[in-house]
């Protein structure tokens, strides 16, 4: 059994995916397997977040003893790593591959990545905490690489373009996911939560000067649902980034011709 303290000694090289462990079968409770453990953990993470996930609470949810989980995992970190990889399985790489242009492939990849972050807001909370080298996460990383490579950008420009697009997606999806989660926690719809936040801002005299400058934007946004704004703003920003890539490709071709 791998102890959490042992992993902490060398976190940069520690991952459940890198350990050479024998396959575990038999001996555990009937009807329990790693897939069921991970599926239940993801549901709990989606509903309650990382802070409330524990081996004991997970076992209770599965109607088994906490010790039963150790037939399949060594630590809670194992479960989180497995859950993190499973979350990446929501990105439809087949659909991305079938798209006929790199622009469409990039849009599909970006939209699916955003949906994954919104559906699982805990994913962004552990960015950089784990190596994230599970098979599905690696497949997504490979898919992103292939899409950016197909744009026609030079090799030295591809990492920057990847950062521009997918750090934007990561930030956008993170904010959207946490906003949605916060609205749920308050018992409000996103529209109600957004309206209350705007009303508090508008009612505070300290923001009067700022309000005059921002009033047209605020009034337009309050007139629409937050859900429609998320979609509109994401699509527009993504179009801007794609247009930027097209400009950089054209510039490179022109400089090459010269």
Protein backbone atom coordinates (compact mmCIF):
# COMPACT_ATOMS: atom_id res chain seq x y z
CA UNK A 1 0.00 0.00 0.00
CA UNK A 2 1.28 3.48 -0.95
CA UNK A 3 1.10 6.03 1.80
CA UNK A 4 0.22 9.67 1.13
CA UNK A 5 3.32 10.73 3.07
CA UNK A 6 5.51 8.70 0.72
CA UNK A 7 4.05 10.45 -2.30
CA UNK A 8 4.54 13.85 -0.70
CA UNK A 9 8.29 13.27 -0.64
CA UNK A 10 8.44 13.34 -4.43
CA UNK A 11 5.20 14.88 -5.74
CA UNK A 12 6.59 15.72 -9.19
CA UNK A 13 7.07 12.01 -9.93
CA UNK A 14 4.12 10.62 -7.97
CA UNK A 15 1.04 9.36 -9.72
CA UNK A 16 -1.24 6.37 -9.51
CA UNK A 17 -0.68 6.00 -13.26
CA UNK A 18 3.09 5.61 -12.87
CA UNK A 19 3.05 2.97 -10.15
CA UNK A 20 3.77 -0.61 -11.09
CA UNK A 21 1.07 -2.37 -9.12
CA UNK A 22 -0.42 -5.78 -9.64
CA UNK A 23 -4.00 -5.96 -10.85
CA UNK A 24 -6.41 -6.32 -7.96
CA UNK A 25 -9.25 -8.75 -8.27
CA UNK A 26 -11.26 -10.81 -5.85
CA UNK A 27 -11.55 -10.35 -2.13
CA UNK A 28 -13.56 -7.15 -2.25
CA UNK A 29 -17.28 -6.75 -1.58
CA UNK A 30 -19.64 -8.13 -4.21
CA UNK A 31 -20.68 -5.50 -6.73
CA UNK A 32 -17.84 -3.15 -5.88
CA UNK A 33 -15.12 -2.28 -8.39
CA UNK A 34 -12.92 0.67 -9.25
CA UNK A 35 -15.30 1.98 -11.89
CA UNK A 36 -18.17 2.16 -9.43
CA UNK A 37 -15.94 3.81 -6.83
CA UNK A 38 -14.77 6.46 -9.29
CA UNK A 39 -18.26 7.10 -10.70
CA UNK A 40 -19.62 7.66 -7.19
CA UNK A 41 -16.66 9.84 -6.26
CA UNK A 42 -17.23 12.05 -9.31
CA UNK A 43 -20.88 12.52 -8.39
CA UNK A 44 -19.91 13.49 -4.83
CA UNK A 45 -17.22 15.85 -6.09
CA UNK A 46 -19.67 17.50 -8.47
CA UNK A 47 -22.26 17.94 -5.73
CA UNK A 48 -20.08 18.83 -2.74
CA UNK A 49 -16.56 19.62 -3.91
CA UNK A 50 -13.15 18.34 -2.89
CA UNK A 51 -13.26 19.40 0.75
CA UNK A 52 -16.05 16.99 1.64
CA UNK A 53 -14.71 13.91 -0.12
CA UNK A 54 -13.30 11.33 2.27
CA UNK A 55 -12.82 7.60 2.18
CA UNK A 56 -15.33 7.19 5.00
CA UNK A 57 -18.05 9.28 3.32
CA UNK A 58 -17.42 7.59 -0.02
CA UNK A 59 -17.73 4.17 1.61
CA UNK A 60 -21.00 5.20 3.24
CA UNK A 61 -22.32 6.33 -0.14
CA UNK A 62 -21.35 2.96 -1.60
CA UNK A 63 -22.80 1.10 1.40
CA UNK A 64 -19.50 -0.64 2.16
CA UNK A 65 -16.87 -0.29 4.87
CA UNK A 66 -14.05 2.19 4.40
CA UNK A 67 -11.55 -0.67 4.45
CA UNK A 68 -13.31 -2.23 1.46
CA UNK A 69 -12.11 0.64 -0.73
CA UNK A 70 -8.50 -0.32 -0.12
CA UNK A 71 -8.95 -3.45 -2.22
CA UNK A 72 -8.99 -1.06 -5.21
CA UNK A 73 -7.13 2.12 -4.22
CA UNK A 74 -4.35 3.02 -1.79
CA UNK A 75 -5.28 6.61 -0.95
CA UNK A 76 -7.92 9.25 -1.54
CA UNK A 77 -5.46 10.81 -3.98
CA UNK A 78 -5.78 7.67 -6.10
CA UNK A 79 -9.51 8.22 -6.35
CA UNK A 80 -9.09 11.87 -7.26
CA UNK A 81 -6.56 11.00 -9.95
CA UNK A 82 -8.86 8.36 -11.40
CA UNK A 83 -11.76 10.83 -11.27
CA UNK A 84 -9.68 13.53 -12.94
CA UNK A 85 -8.87 11.23 -15.83
CA UNK A 86 -12.45 10.03 -16.13
CA UNK A 87 -13.64 13.64 -16.37
CA UNK A 88 -11.50 14.08 -19.48
CA UNK A 89 -13.42 11.23 -21.05
CA UNK A 90 -16.28 13.68 -21.61
CA UNK A 91 -14.35 15.30 -24.46
CA UNK A 92 -15.51 13.75 -27.74
CA UNK A 93 -12.24 13.23 -29.59
CA UNK A 94 -13.95 11.24 -32.35
CA UNK A 95 -16.12 14.21 -33.26
CA UNK A 96 -13.05 16.45 -33.27
CA UNK A 97 -11.23 14.14 -35.67
CA UNK A 98 -14.21 14.00 -38.03
CA UNK A 99 -14.42 17.79 -38.45
CA UNK A 100 -13.21 18.95 -41.86
CA UNK A 101 -11.30 22.12 -40.92
CA UNK A 102 -8.87 22.95 -38.15
CA UNK A 103 -11.14 25.83 -37.15
CA UNK A 104 -14.05 23.46 -36.55
CA UNK A 105 -11.80 20.96 -34.78
CA UNK A 106 -10.52 23.68 -32.49
CA UNK A 107 -14.04 24.91 -31.74
CA UNK A 108 -15.27 21.41 -30.90
CA UNK A 109 -12.30 20.74 -28.66
CA UNK A 110 -12.66 24.10 -26.90
CA UNK A 111 -16.41 23.72 -26.34
CA UNK A 112 -16.05 20.21 -24.93
CA UNK A 113 -13.20 21.28 -22.65
CA UNK A 114 -15.29 24.16 -21.37
CA UNK A 115 -18.26 21.85 -20.73
CA UNK A 116 -16.01 19.49 -18.79
CA UNK A 117 -14.78 22.31 -16.54
CA UNK A 118 -18.31 23.60 -15.92
CA UNK A 119 -19.70 20.14 -15.20
CA UNK A 120 -16.81 19.34 -12.84
CA UNK A 121 -15.71 22.60 -11.14
CA UNK A 122 -13.41 20.66 -8.80
CA UNK A 123 -11.16 19.85 -11.78
CA UNK A 124 -9.83 23.41 -11.94
CA UNK A 125 -9.29 23.39 -8.18
CA UNK A 126 -6.58 20.75 -8.54
CA UNK A 127 -4.77 22.15 -11.55
CA UNK A 128 -1.08 21.33 -11.14
CA UNK A 129 -1.69 19.16 -8.07
CA UNK A 130 -1.46 15.90 -9.99
CA UNK A 131 0.59 14.88 -13.01
CA UNK A 132 -2.64 14.19 -14.89
CA UNK A 133 -1.10 11.49 -17.06
CA UNK A 134 -4.05 9.09 -17.17
CA UNK A 135 -4.93 7.62 -20.58
CA UNK A 136 -7.92 9.87 -21.25
CA UNK A 137 -6.15 13.06 -20.18
CA UNK A 138 -3.14 12.18 -22.35
CA UNK A 139 -5.48 11.48 -25.28
CA UNK A 140 -6.99 14.95 -24.85
CA UNK A 141 -3.54 16.55 -24.67
CA UNK A 142 -2.57 14.71 -27.86
CA UNK A 143 -5.79 15.86 -29.54
CA UNK A 144 -5.06 19.48 -28.64
CA UNK A 145 -1.54 19.15 -30.00
CA UNK A 146 -2.81 17.67 -33.27
CA UNK A 147 -5.38 20.43 -33.73
CA UNK A 148 -2.90 23.24 -33.14
CA UNK A 149 -0.33 21.55 -35.35
CA UNK A 150 -2.87 21.39 -38.19
CA UNK A 151 -3.38 25.18 -38.17
CA UNK A 152 -0.23 25.78 -40.22
CA UNK A 153 1.50 27.74 -37.48
CA UNK A 154 5.27 27.25 -37.27
CA UNK A 155 6.52 24.87 -34.59
CA UNK A 156 7.82 27.70 -32.42
CA UNK A 157 4.41 29.39 -32.48
CA UNK A 158 2.31 26.35 -31.64
CA UNK A 159 2.90 26.35 -27.84
CA UNK A 160 1.90 30.01 -27.64
CA UNK A 161 -1.26 29.40 -29.65
CA UNK A 162 -2.10 26.44 -27.43
CA UNK A 163 -1.71 28.63 -24.37
CA UNK A 164 -3.76 31.46 -25.86
CA UNK A 165 -6.71 29.21 -26.68
CA UNK A 166 -6.75 26.66 -23.90
CA UNK A 167 -5.71 28.90 -21.03
CA UNK A 168 -8.60 31.11 -22.13
CA UNK A 169 -10.91 28.06 -22.17
CA UNK A 170 -9.58 26.95 -18.79
CA UNK A 171 -10.12 30.37 -17.22
CA UNK A 172 -13.54 30.87 -18.79
CA UNK A 173 -14.77 27.40 -17.85
CA UNK A 174 -13.42 27.75 -14.32
CA UNK A 175 -15.22 31.04 -13.68
CA UNK A 176 -18.44 29.78 -15.26
CA UNK A 177 -18.33 26.53 -13.30
CA UNK A 178 -17.70 28.22 -9.97
CA UNK A 179 -20.35 30.87 -10.64
CA UNK A 180 -22.89 28.15 -11.39
CA UNK A 181 -21.83 26.25 -8.29
CA UNK A 182 -22.13 29.37 -6.11
CA UNK A 183 -25.63 30.06 -7.41
CA UNK A 184 -26.65 26.50 -6.50
CA UNK A 185 -25.19 26.89 -3.01
CA UNK A 186 -27.24 30.04 -2.41
CA UNK A 187 -30.43 28.36 -3.62
CA UNK A 188 -30.81 30.85 -6.48
CA UNK A 189 -30.91 30.54 -10.22
CA UNK A 190 -27.96 32.05 -12.05
CA UNK A 191 -30.24 34.89 -13.16
CA UNK A 192 -31.30 35.66 -9.59
CA UNK A 193 -27.75 35.47 -8.27
CA UNK A 194 -26.42 37.72 -11.04
CA UNK A 195 -29.25 40.24 -10.55
CA UNK A 196 -28.58 40.48 -6.80
CA UNK A 197 -24.88 41.03 -7.42
CA UNK A 198 -25.59 43.77 -9.95
CA UNK A 199 -28.17 45.42 -7.67
CA UNK A 200 -25.65 45.53 -4.82
CA UNK A 201 -23.07 47.16 -7.09
CA UNK A 202 -25.51 49.69 -8.52
CA UNK A 203 -26.85 50.65 -5.09
CA UNK A 204 -23.41 51.43 -3.62
CA UNK A 205 -22.57 55.15 -4.06
CA UNK A 206 -18.84 54.38 -4.01
CA UNK A 207 -19.22 52.89 -7.48
CA UNK A 208 -21.27 55.73 -8.99
CA UNK A 209 -18.47 57.02 -11.21
CA UNK A 210 -17.55 53.56 -12.43
CA UNK A 211 -21.21 52.79 -13.01
CA UNK A 212 -21.64 55.67 -15.45
CA UNK A 213 -18.83 54.31 -17.60
CA UNK A 214 -20.09 50.73 -17.44
CA UNK A 215 -23.85 51.38 -17.49
CA UNK A 216 -24.51 50.42 -21.16
CA UNK A 217 -22.70 47.11 -20.72
CA UNK A 218 -24.39 46.38 -17.37
CA UNK A 219 -27.86 47.16 -18.70
CA UNK A 220 -27.36 44.97 -21.76
CA UNK A 221 -26.09 42.07 -19.71
CA UNK A 222 -28.86 42.29 -17.10
CA UNK A 223 -31.41 42.07 -19.91
CA UNK A 224 -30.14 38.63 -20.91
CA UNK A 225 -29.86 35.33 -19.07
CA UNK A 226 -26.40 34.46 -17.70
CA UNK A 227 -26.52 31.18 -19.61
CA UNK A 228 -26.93 32.97 -22.95
CA UNK A 229 -24.17 35.41 -22.02
CA UNK A 230 -21.75 32.59 -21.22
CA UNK A 231 -22.35 31.09 -24.66
CA UNK A 232 -22.22 34.36 -26.56
CA UNK A 233 -19.07 35.64 -24.88
CA UNK A 234 -17.29 32.31 -25.20
CA UNK A 235 -18.09 31.99 -28.91
CA UNK A 236 -17.02 35.55 -29.65
CA UNK A 237 -13.77 35.26 -27.73
CA UNK A 238 -12.99 31.94 -29.42
CA UNK A 239 -13.65 33.51 -32.83
CA UNK A 240 -11.20 36.30 -31.95
CA UNK A 241 -8.53 33.74 -31.04
CA UNK A 242 -9.11 31.70 -34.19
CA UNK A 243 -8.94 34.87 -36.30
CA UNK A 244 -5.65 35.69 -34.58
CA UNK A 245 -4.24 32.29 -35.49
CA UNK A 246 -5.36 32.78 -39.11
CA UNK A 247 -3.59 36.15 -39.21
CA UNK A 248 -0.39 34.67 -37.79
CA UNK A 249 -0.48 31.81 -40.31
CA UNK A 250 -0.98 34.26 -43.18
CA UNK A 251 1.83 36.45 -41.89
CA UNK A 252 4.16 33.48 -41.71
CA UNK A 253 3.28 32.45 -45.27
CA UNK A 254 3.86 36.00 -46.53
CA UNK A 255 7.22 36.24 -44.80
CA UNK A 256 8.16 32.84 -46.17
CA UNK A 257 7.26 33.97 -49.72
CA UNK A 258 9.38 37.06 -49.25
